[in-house]
Amino acid sequence: LGVASEADLLVYKVCRNDGSCWADDVAAGVDYAVSAGVNVISMSLGGNSESLVLKNSIESAVKANILVVASAGNDGPEKGSIDYPAAQSVVVAVGALAEDETVPDWSSRGVNDGDYTIEEKEIEFTAPGVNVESTWSDGSYRYLSGTSMSAPHVASLAAKLWNGSA
């Protein structure tokens, strides 16, 4: 049933069937979510370079008091191996956590400097990201691993808190 089974979902497809995404399509999805009045945006996608058009859309969402959550990426274990848009300081970046509470080698790392100030390329949370049961494109369920599984956990908890049901 998921973490926030009472939440209303608006789902936008912004990537192609092969998983590749264009920044302007992702930005259009963010803009549409803002216009729809959502409280939380969750993005299980990312890339190595920042896009100005997507950055601007995300900053507009944050100015509208929308919490933006994104997967950190699967480029670990090197320090600073975080993908955009999660690397933006206004985005809640989420890394993966295994069942034994360890961070898998493949989970991206931020450049967290321990100063308790959220800055560019820092990861705020880790969440379950190894062997997570999820839906699949054919309507079935599969066990998947990656920070794309982790970000929805944090976004769902935020939605629950926002709704006052946590």
N, C-alpha and C. Protein backbone atom coordinates (compact mmCIF):
# COMPACT_ATOMS: atom_id res chain seq x y z
N LEU A 1 0.80 -1.20 0.00
CA LEU A 1 0.00 0.00 0.00
C LEU A 1 0.85 1.27 0.00
N GLY A 2 2.12 1.17 0.31
CA GLY A 2 2.98 2.33 0.28
C GLY A 2 3.02 3.07 1.60
N VAL A 3 3.90 4.05 1.67
CA VAL A 3 4.10 4.81 2.90
C VAL A 3 2.94 5.76 3.16
N ALA A 4 2.44 6.43 2.13
CA ALA A 4 1.36 7.41 2.27
C ALA A 4 0.17 6.98 1.44
N SER A 5 -0.47 5.90 1.85
CA SER A 5 -1.55 5.33 1.04
C SER A 5 -2.77 6.24 0.94
N GLU A 6 -2.88 7.24 1.81
CA GLU A 6 -4.01 8.17 1.76
C GLU A 6 -3.75 9.37 0.85
N ALA A 7 -2.53 9.53 0.37
CA ALA A 7 -2.18 10.69 -0.44
C ALA A 7 -2.76 10.58 -1.85
N ASP A 8 -3.15 11.71 -2.38
CA ASP A 8 -3.56 11.77 -3.79
C ASP A 8 -2.31 11.91 -4.63
N LEU A 9 -2.21 11.15 -5.70
CA LEU A 9 -1.04 11.18 -6.56
C LEU A 9 -1.38 11.80 -7.91
N LEU A 10 -0.48 12.61 -8.38
CA LEU A 10 -0.51 13.10 -9.76
C LEU A 10 0.77 12.57 -10.38
N VAL A 11 0.65 11.76 -11.40
CA VAL A 11 1.81 11.12 -12.00
C VAL A 11 2.01 11.67 -13.40
N TYR A 12 3.23 12.15 -13.67
CA TYR A 12 3.56 12.71 -14.97
C TYR A 12 4.72 11.93 -15.56
N LYS A 13 4.56 11.51 -16.80
CA LYS A 13 5.65 10.85 -17.51
C LYS A 13 6.45 11.92 -18.22
N VAL A 14 7.71 12.07 -17.82
CA VAL A 14 8.56 13.10 -18.41
C VAL A 14 9.78 12.51 -19.11
N CYS A 15 9.91 11.19 -19.08
CA CYS A 15 11.04 10.53 -19.71
C CYS A 15 10.54 9.59 -20.81
N ARG A 16 11.43 9.25 -21.71
CA ARG A 16 11.09 8.32 -22.80
C ARG A 16 11.02 6.90 -22.26
N ASN A 17 10.51 6.00 -23.06
CA ASN A 17 10.39 4.60 -22.66
C ASN A 17 11.73 3.95 -22.36
N ASP A 18 12.82 4.46 -22.98
CA ASP A 18 14.14 3.88 -22.72
C ASP A 18 14.79 4.47 -21.46
N GLY A 19 14.07 5.37 -20.76
CA GLY A 19 14.56 5.94 -19.51
C GLY A 19 15.31 7.25 -19.67
N SER A 20 15.58 7.66 -20.90
CA SER A 20 16.29 8.93 -21.08
C SER A 20 15.29 10.09 -20.95
N CYS A 21 15.79 11.21 -20.46
CA CYS A 21 14.93 12.37 -20.20
C CYS A 21 15.55 13.62 -20.79
N TRP A 22 14.72 14.53 -21.22
CA TRP A 22 15.15 15.86 -21.65
C TRP A 22 14.80 16.82 -20.52
N ALA A 23 15.74 17.69 -20.18
CA ALA A 23 15.55 18.61 -19.06
C ALA A 23 14.31 19.48 -19.24
N ASP A 24 14.02 19.91 -20.46
CA ASP A 24 12.85 20.77 -20.65
C ASP A 24 11.55 20.01 -20.43
N ASP A 25 11.55 18.69 -20.71
CA ASP A 25 10.36 17.88 -20.43
C ASP A 25 10.17 17.71 -18.92
N VAL A 26 11.27 17.49 -18.21
CA VAL A 26 11.19 17.35 -16.75
C VAL A 26 10.73 18.68 -16.16
N ALA A 27 11.29 19.79 -16.64
CA ALA A 27 10.90 21.12 -16.16
C ALA A 27 9.41 21.36 -16.42
N ALA A 28 8.92 20.95 -17.57
CA ALA A 28 7.49 21.11 -17.87
C ALA A 28 6.64 20.32 -16.88
N GLY A 29 7.09 19.14 -16.50
CA GLY A 29 6.39 18.36 -15.49
C GLY A 29 6.37 19.05 -14.13
N VAL A 30 7.50 19.64 -13.75
CA VAL A 30 7.57 20.39 -12.50
C VAL A 30 6.63 21.58 -12.57
N ASP A 31 6.67 22.31 -13.66
CA ASP A 31 5.80 23.47 -13.83
C ASP A 31 4.32 23.07 -13.75
N TYR A 32 3.99 21.95 -14.37
CA TYR A 32 2.60 21.47 -14.34
C TYR A 32 2.19 21.11 -12.92
N ALA A 33 3.10 20.47 -12.16
CA ALA A 33 2.80 20.11 -10.77
C ALA A 33 2.58 21.36 -9.93
N VAL A 34 3.38 22.40 -10.17
CA VAL A 34 3.21 23.66 -9.45
C VAL A 34 1.83 24.23 -9.75
N SER A 35 1.45 24.26 -11.02
CA SER A 35 0.14 24.83 -11.40
C SER A 35 -1.02 23.99 -10.86
N ALA A 36 -0.77 22.70 -10.61
CA ALA A 36 -1.81 21.82 -10.07
C ALA A 36 -1.94 21.95 -8.56
N GLY A 37 -1.01 22.67 -7.92
CA GLY A 37 -1.11 22.91 -6.48
C GLY A 37 -0.64 21.77 -5.60
N VAL A 38 0.32 20.99 -6.06
CA VAL A 38 0.82 19.88 -5.25
C VAL A 38 1.61 20.40 -4.05
N ASN A 39 1.83 19.53 -3.08
CA ASN A 39 2.64 19.86 -1.90
C ASN A 39 4.05 19.30 -2.00
N VAL A 40 4.18 18.15 -2.67
CA VAL A 40 5.46 17.44 -2.75
C VAL A 40 5.68 16.97 -4.17
N ILE A 41 6.90 17.15 -4.67
CA ILE A 41 7.29 16.61 -5.97
C ILE A 41 8.40 15.60 -5.73
N SER A 42 8.26 14.42 -6.28
CA SER A 42 9.27 13.37 -6.15
C SER A 42 9.80 13.04 -7.54
N MET A 43 11.13 13.07 -7.68
CA MET A 43 11.75 12.77 -8.97
C MET A 43 12.78 11.66 -8.81
N SER A 44 12.54 10.55 -9.47
CA SER A 44 13.49 9.44 -9.48
C SER A 44 14.22 9.46 -10.81
N LEU A 45 15.03 10.49 -10.97
CA LEU A 45 15.80 10.67 -12.21
C LEU A 45 16.97 11.57 -11.89
N GLY A 46 17.91 11.63 -12.81
CA GLY A 46 19.03 12.52 -12.60
C GLY A 46 20.08 12.39 -13.67
N GLY A 47 20.98 13.36 -13.68
CA GLY A 47 22.07 13.38 -14.63
C GLY A 47 23.28 14.08 -14.04
N ASN A 48 24.39 14.02 -14.78
CA ASN A 48 25.65 14.55 -14.26
C ASN A 48 25.80 16.06 -14.37
N SER A 49 24.99 16.70 -15.20
CA SER A 49 25.14 18.14 -15.36
C SER A 49 23.83 18.84 -15.03
N GLU A 50 23.97 20.08 -14.57
CA GLU A 50 22.81 20.86 -14.20
C GLU A 50 22.19 21.53 -15.42
N SER A 51 20.89 21.60 -15.44
CA SER A 51 20.14 22.26 -16.50
C SER A 51 19.54 23.54 -15.93
N LEU A 52 19.78 24.65 -16.60
CA LEU A 52 19.25 25.93 -16.13
C LEU A 52 17.73 25.96 -16.17
N VAL A 53 17.13 25.39 -17.21
CA VAL A 53 15.67 25.40 -17.33
C VAL A 53 15.04 24.58 -16.19
N LEU A 54 15.62 23.42 -15.86
CA LEU A 54 15.09 22.61 -14.77
C LEU A 54 15.37 23.27 -13.42
N LYS A 55 16.55 23.84 -13.27
CA LYS A 55 16.88 24.55 -12.03
C LYS A 55 15.87 25.66 -11.77
N ASN A 56 15.54 26.43 -12.78
CA ASN A 56 14.58 27.53 -12.63
C ASN A 56 13.19 27.02 -12.26
N SER A 57 12.76 25.91 -12.88
CA SER A 57 11.45 25.33 -12.56
C SER A 57 11.41 24.85 -11.11
N ILE A 58 12.47 24.20 -10.67
CA ILE A 58 12.54 23.70 -9.29
C ILE A 58 12.54 24.87 -8.31
N GLU A 59 13.31 25.91 -8.61
CA GLU A 59 13.34 27.08 -7.72
C GLU A 59 11.96 27.74 -7.64
N SER A 60 11.21 27.75 -8.74
CA SER A 60 9.84 28.28 -8.72
C SER A 60 8.94 27.41 -7.85
N ALA A 61 9.13 26.11 -7.92
CA ALA A 61 8.35 25.19 -7.09
C ALA A 61 8.63 25.44 -5.61
N VAL A 62 9.89 25.58 -5.27
CA VAL A 62 10.27 25.81 -3.87
C VAL A 62 9.71 27.14 -3.38
N LYS A 63 9.75 28.18 -4.24
CA LYS A 63 9.18 29.48 -3.86
C LYS A 63 7.67 29.37 -3.63
N ALA A 64 7.03 28.38 -4.25
CA ALA A 64 5.59 28.14 -4.07
C ALA A 64 5.34 27.21 -2.88
N ASN A 65 6.35 27.03 -2.03
CA ASN A 65 6.26 26.18 -0.83
C ASN A 65 6.02 24.71 -1.13
N ILE A 66 6.57 24.24 -2.24
CA ILE A 66 6.49 22.83 -2.60
C ILE A 66 7.81 22.18 -2.23
N LEU A 67 7.74 21.05 -1.56
CA LEU A 67 8.93 20.29 -1.22
C LEU A 67 9.33 19.45 -2.43
N VAL A 68 10.57 19.60 -2.87
CA VAL A 68 11.07 18.85 -4.03
C VAL A 68 12.08 17.83 -3.54
N VAL A 69 11.82 16.56 -3.85
CA VAL A 69 12.65 15.44 -3.42
C VAL A 69 13.17 14.73 -4.67
N ALA A 70 14.46 14.35 -4.68
CA ALA A 70 15.01 13.66 -5.85
C ALA A 70 16.02 12.60 -5.43
N SER A 71 16.12 11.58 -6.23
CA SER A 71 17.09 10.52 -5.99
C SER A 71 18.50 11.05 -6.26
N ALA A 72 19.44 10.66 -5.39
CA ALA A 72 20.82 11.15 -5.48
C ALA A 72 21.58 10.53 -6.64
N GLY A 73 21.19 9.35 -7.08
CA GLY A 73 21.88 8.68 -8.17
C GLY A 73 22.57 7.41 -7.72
N ASN A 74 23.00 6.65 -8.69
CA ASN A 74 23.62 5.34 -8.43
C ASN A 74 25.06 5.33 -8.94
N ASP A 75 25.78 6.41 -8.66
CA ASP A 75 27.14 6.60 -9.18
C ASP A 75 28.21 6.49 -8.10
N GLY A 76 27.89 5.93 -6.94
CA GLY A 76 28.84 5.85 -5.82
C GLY A 76 29.97 4.89 -6.09
N PRO A 77 30.89 4.77 -5.18
CA PRO A 77 30.89 5.36 -3.83
C PRO A 77 31.72 6.63 -3.69
N GLU A 78 32.16 7.22 -4.77
CA GLU A 78 33.04 8.39 -4.65
C GLU A 78 32.32 9.57 -4.01
N LYS A 79 33.04 10.31 -3.19
CA LYS A 79 32.50 11.53 -2.58
C LYS A 79 32.13 12.51 -3.69
N GLY A 80 30.96 13.12 -3.57
CA GLY A 80 30.51 14.09 -4.55
C GLY A 80 29.84 13.48 -5.76
N SER A 81 29.57 12.18 -5.74
CA SER A 81 28.98 11.50 -6.90
C SER A 81 27.46 11.61 -6.88
N ILE A 82 26.96 12.81 -6.74
CA ILE A 82 25.51 13.05 -6.68
C ILE A 82 25.04 13.64 -8.01
N ASP A 83 23.86 13.22 -8.44
CA ASP A 83 23.29 13.69 -9.70
C ASP A 83 22.43 14.93 -9.49
N TYR A 84 22.22 15.67 -10.57
CA TYR A 84 21.24 16.76 -10.60
C TYR A 84 19.92 16.18 -11.05
N PRO A 85 18.81 16.62 -10.54
CA PRO A 85 18.60 17.81 -9.75
C PRO A 85 18.82 17.65 -8.25
N ALA A 86 19.07 16.44 -7.77
CA ALA A 86 19.25 16.24 -6.32
C ALA A 86 20.39 17.09 -5.77
N ALA A 87 21.39 17.40 -6.58
CA ALA A 87 22.54 18.16 -6.13
C ALA A 87 22.21 19.62 -5.82
N GLN A 88 21.06 20.12 -6.31
CA GLN A 88 20.67 21.49 -6.00
C GLN A 88 20.39 21.61 -4.50
N SER A 89 20.80 22.71 -3.90
CA SER A 89 20.63 22.88 -2.46
C SER A 89 19.16 22.96 -2.05
N VAL A 90 18.26 23.37 -2.95
CA VAL A 90 16.85 23.50 -2.60
C VAL A 90 16.08 22.18 -2.74
N VAL A 91 16.76 21.15 -3.24
CA VAL A 91 16.14 19.83 -3.43
C VAL A 91 16.58 18.91 -2.30
N VAL A 92 15.65 18.13 -1.76
CA VAL A 92 15.98 17.13 -0.77
C VAL A 92 16.56 15.93 -1.51
N ALA A 93 17.85 15.70 -1.32
CA ALA A 93 18.56 14.61 -2.00
C ALA A 93 18.51 13.35 -1.14
N VAL A 94 18.19 12.21 -1.79
CA VAL A 94 18.01 10.96 -1.05
C VAL A 94 18.92 9.87 -1.63
N GLY A 95 19.74 9.31 -0.78
CA GLY A 95 20.58 8.17 -1.13
C GLY A 95 19.91 6.87 -0.69
N ALA A 96 20.52 5.76 -1.06
CA ALA A 96 19.95 4.45 -0.76
C ALA A 96 20.51 3.88 0.53
N LEU A 97 19.69 3.07 1.18
CA LEU A 97 20.07 2.36 2.39
C LEU A 97 19.63 0.91 2.24
N ALA A 98 20.50 -0.01 2.62
CA ALA A 98 20.16 -1.44 2.57
C ALA A 98 19.44 -1.84 3.85
N GLU A 99 18.88 -3.05 3.84
CA GLU A 99 18.13 -3.53 4.99
C GLU A 99 18.99 -3.59 6.26
N ASP A 100 20.30 -3.83 6.11
CA ASP A 100 21.19 -3.88 7.27
C ASP A 100 21.70 -2.50 7.68
N GLU A 101 21.08 -1.45 7.14
CA GLU A 101 21.37 -0.05 7.44
C GLU A 101 22.74 0.41 6.97
N THR A 102 23.26 -0.24 5.94
CA THR A 102 24.50 0.21 5.31
C THR A 102 24.15 0.90 3.99
N VAL A 103 25.03 1.76 3.55
CA VAL A 103 24.84 2.43 2.26
C VAL A 103 25.50 1.56 1.20
N PRO A 104 24.75 1.10 0.20
CA PRO A 104 25.34 0.27 -0.87
C PRO A 104 26.44 1.03 -1.61
N ASP A 105 27.44 0.31 -2.09
CA ASP A 105 28.54 0.95 -2.80
C ASP A 105 28.07 1.80 -3.97
N TRP A 106 27.02 1.39 -4.65
CA TRP A 106 26.57 2.10 -5.85
C TRP A 106 25.79 3.37 -5.54
N SER A 107 25.33 3.56 -4.30
CA SER A 107 24.56 4.75 -3.97
C SER A 107 25.46 5.98 -4.02
N SER A 108 25.00 7.02 -4.70
CA SER A 108 25.77 8.26 -4.80
C SER A 108 26.02 8.86 -3.42
N ARG A 109 27.14 9.56 -3.34
CA ARG A 109 27.51 10.26 -2.11
C ARG A 109 27.51 11.75 -2.38
N GLY A 110 27.24 12.51 -1.37
CA GLY A 110 27.33 13.95 -1.48
C GLY A 110 28.71 14.41 -1.03
N VAL A 111 28.82 15.70 -0.84
CA VAL A 111 30.07 16.28 -0.33
C VAL A 111 29.82 16.83 1.07
N ASN A 112 28.99 16.15 1.83
CA ASN A 112 28.58 16.62 3.15
C ASN A 112 29.79 16.98 3.99
N ASP A 113 29.80 18.23 4.46
CA ASP A 113 30.95 18.72 5.22
C ASP A 113 30.70 18.79 6.72
N GLY A 114 29.52 18.35 7.17
CA GLY A 114 29.25 18.26 8.60
C GLY A 114 28.92 19.58 9.27
N ASP A 115 28.64 20.64 8.50
CA ASP A 115 28.37 21.93 9.13
C ASP A 115 26.88 22.16 9.40
N TYR A 116 26.04 21.16 9.14
CA TYR A 116 24.59 21.22 9.38
C TYR A 116 23.90 22.33 8.60
N THR A 117 24.49 22.72 7.49
CA THR A 117 23.90 23.67 6.57
C THR A 117 23.72 22.95 5.24
N ILE A 118 22.52 22.99 4.71
CA ILE A 118 22.25 22.32 3.44
C ILE A 118 22.84 23.15 2.31
N GLU A 119 23.77 22.54 1.60
CA GLU A 119 24.46 23.22 0.51
C GLU A 119 24.40 22.37 -0.75
N GLU A 120 24.81 22.95 -1.86
CA GLU A 120 24.86 22.24 -3.14
C GLU A 120 25.63 20.93 -2.98
N LYS A 121 25.13 19.87 -3.60
CA LYS A 121 25.74 18.55 -3.67
C LYS A 121 25.79 17.81 -2.33
N GLU A 122 24.88 18.14 -1.42
CA GLU A 122 24.80 17.41 -0.16
C GLU A 122 23.55 16.54 -0.14
N ILE A 123 23.67 15.39 0.50
CA ILE A 123 22.55 14.46 0.63
C ILE A 123 21.95 14.63 2.02
N GLU A 124 20.62 14.81 2.05
CA GLU A 124 19.93 15.02 3.33
C GLU A 124 19.49 13.72 4.00
N PHE A 125 19.06 12.74 3.21
CA PHE A 125 18.50 11.51 3.78
C PHE A 125 18.96 10.29 3.00
N THR A 126 18.90 9.16 3.68
CA THR A 126 18.94 7.86 3.00
C THR A 126 17.63 7.16 3.36
N ALA A 127 17.21 6.27 2.49
CA ALA A 127 15.96 5.54 2.68
C ALA A 127 16.10 4.18 1.99
N PRO A 128 15.19 3.25 2.28
CA PRO A 128 15.28 1.94 1.65
C PRO A 128 15.46 2.05 0.14
N GLY A 129 16.48 1.33 -0.37
CA GLY A 129 16.77 1.39 -1.80
C GLY A 129 17.29 0.09 -2.36
N VAL A 130 17.27 -0.97 -1.57
CA VAL A 130 17.77 -2.28 -2.01
C VAL A 130 16.63 -3.29 -1.92
N ASN A 131 16.36 -3.94 -3.05
CA ASN A 131 15.31 -4.96 -3.13
C ASN A 131 13.96 -4.45 -2.62
N VAL A 132 13.55 -3.32 -3.15
CA VAL A 132 12.27 -2.71 -2.80
C VAL A 132 11.22 -3.16 -3.79
N GLU A 133 10.10 -3.68 -3.30
CA GLU A 133 9.03 -4.09 -4.21
C GLU A 133 8.39 -2.85 -4.81
N SER A 134 8.28 -2.86 -6.14
CA SER A 134 7.75 -1.70 -6.85
C SER A 134 6.96 -2.16 -8.07
N THR A 135 6.19 -1.25 -8.60
CA THR A 135 5.44 -1.56 -9.82
C THR A 135 6.39 -1.60 -11.00
N TRP A 136 5.98 -2.32 -12.03
CA TRP A 136 6.77 -2.44 -13.25
C TRP A 136 5.91 -1.99 -14.43
N SER A 137 6.53 -1.72 -15.55
CA SER A 137 5.84 -1.13 -16.71
C SER A 137 4.73 -2.02 -17.28
N ASP A 138 4.78 -3.31 -17.02
CA ASP A 138 3.73 -4.20 -17.54
C ASP A 138 2.59 -4.41 -16.56
N GLY A 139 2.58 -3.63 -15.46
CA GLY A 139 1.52 -3.75 -14.47
C GLY A 139 1.82 -4.74 -13.36
N SER A 140 2.94 -5.44 -13.45
CA SER A 140 3.31 -6.40 -12.42
C SER A 140 4.16 -5.71 -11.35
N TYR A 141 4.67 -6.49 -10.42
CA TYR A 141 5.56 -5.99 -9.38
C TYR A 141 6.91 -6.66 -9.51
N ARG A 142 7.95 -5.91 -9.18
CA ARG A 142 9.32 -6.45 -9.19
C ARG A 142 10.08 -5.88 -8.00
N TYR A 143 11.15 -6.56 -7.65
CA TYR A 143 12.05 -6.05 -6.62
C TYR A 143 13.17 -5.30 -7.32
N LEU A 144 13.31 -4.02 -6.97
CA LEU A 144 14.27 -3.15 -7.64
C LEU A 144 15.20 -2.51 -6.62
N SER A 145 16.38 -2.13 -7.09
CA SER A 145 17.35 -1.44 -6.24
C SER A 145 17.80 -0.16 -6.92
N GLY A 146 18.02 0.87 -6.14
CA GLY A 146 18.50 2.15 -6.65
C GLY A 146 17.93 3.29 -5.84
N THR A 147 18.54 4.45 -5.98
CA THR A 147 18.03 5.61 -5.26
C THR A 147 16.68 6.06 -5.80
N SER A 148 16.32 5.56 -6.98
CA SER A 148 14.97 5.81 -7.50
C SER A 148 13.91 5.13 -6.63
N MET A 149 14.29 4.15 -5.87
CA MET A 149 13.39 3.51 -4.92
C MET A 149 13.38 4.27 -3.59
N SER A 150 14.47 4.97 -3.30
CA SER A 150 14.63 5.66 -2.02
C SER A 150 13.87 6.98 -1.96
N ALA A 151 13.97 7.78 -3.00
CA ALA A 151 13.34 9.10 -2.99
C ALA A 151 11.83 9.04 -2.72
N PRO A 152 11.09 8.09 -3.31
CA PRO A 152 9.65 8.05 -3.02
C PRO A 152 9.33 7.76 -1.55
N HIS A 153 10.22 7.04 -0.87
CA HIS A 153 9.99 6.81 0.56
C HIS A 153 9.98 8.13 1.33
N VAL A 154 10.96 8.98 1.04
CA VAL A 154 11.06 10.27 1.73
C VAL A 154 9.90 11.18 1.31
N ALA A 155 9.60 11.22 0.02
CA ALA A 155 8.49 12.06 -0.46
C ALA A 155 7.17 11.61 0.16
N SER A 156 6.97 10.31 0.29
CA SER A 156 5.74 9.79 0.87
C SER A 156 5.63 10.13 2.35
N LEU A 157 6.73 10.03 3.07
CA LEU A 157 6.71 10.42 4.48
C LEU A 157 6.40 11.91 4.60
N ALA A 158 6.98 12.73 3.74
CA ALA A 158 6.70 14.16 3.75
C ALA A 158 5.21 14.41 3.48
N ALA A 159 4.64 13.69 2.52
CA ALA A 159 3.22 13.85 2.21
C ALA A 159 2.36 13.47 3.41
N LYS A 160 2.77 12.43 4.10
CA LYS A 160 2.04 12.00 5.29
C LYS A 160 2.11 13.07 6.38
N LEU A 161 3.29 13.61 6.58
CA LEU A 161 3.47 14.67 7.57
C LEU A 161 2.67 15.92 7.18
N TRP A 162 2.71 16.26 5.90
CA TRP A 162 1.99 17.42 5.39
C TRP A 162 0.49 17.28 5.66
N ASN A 163 0.03 16.06 5.52
CA ASN A 163 -1.39 15.75 5.70
C ASN A 163 -1.78 15.62 7.17
N GLY A 164 -0.78 15.58 8.05
CA GLY A 164 -1.05 15.43 9.48
C GLY A 164 -1.40 14.02 9.88
N SER A 165 -1.03 13.04 9.05
CA SER A 165 -1.39 11.65 9.35
C SER A 165 -0.21 10.79 9.75
N ALA A 166 0.92 11.41 10.07
CA ALA A 166 2.09 10.62 10.48
C ALA A 166 2.23 10.59 11.98
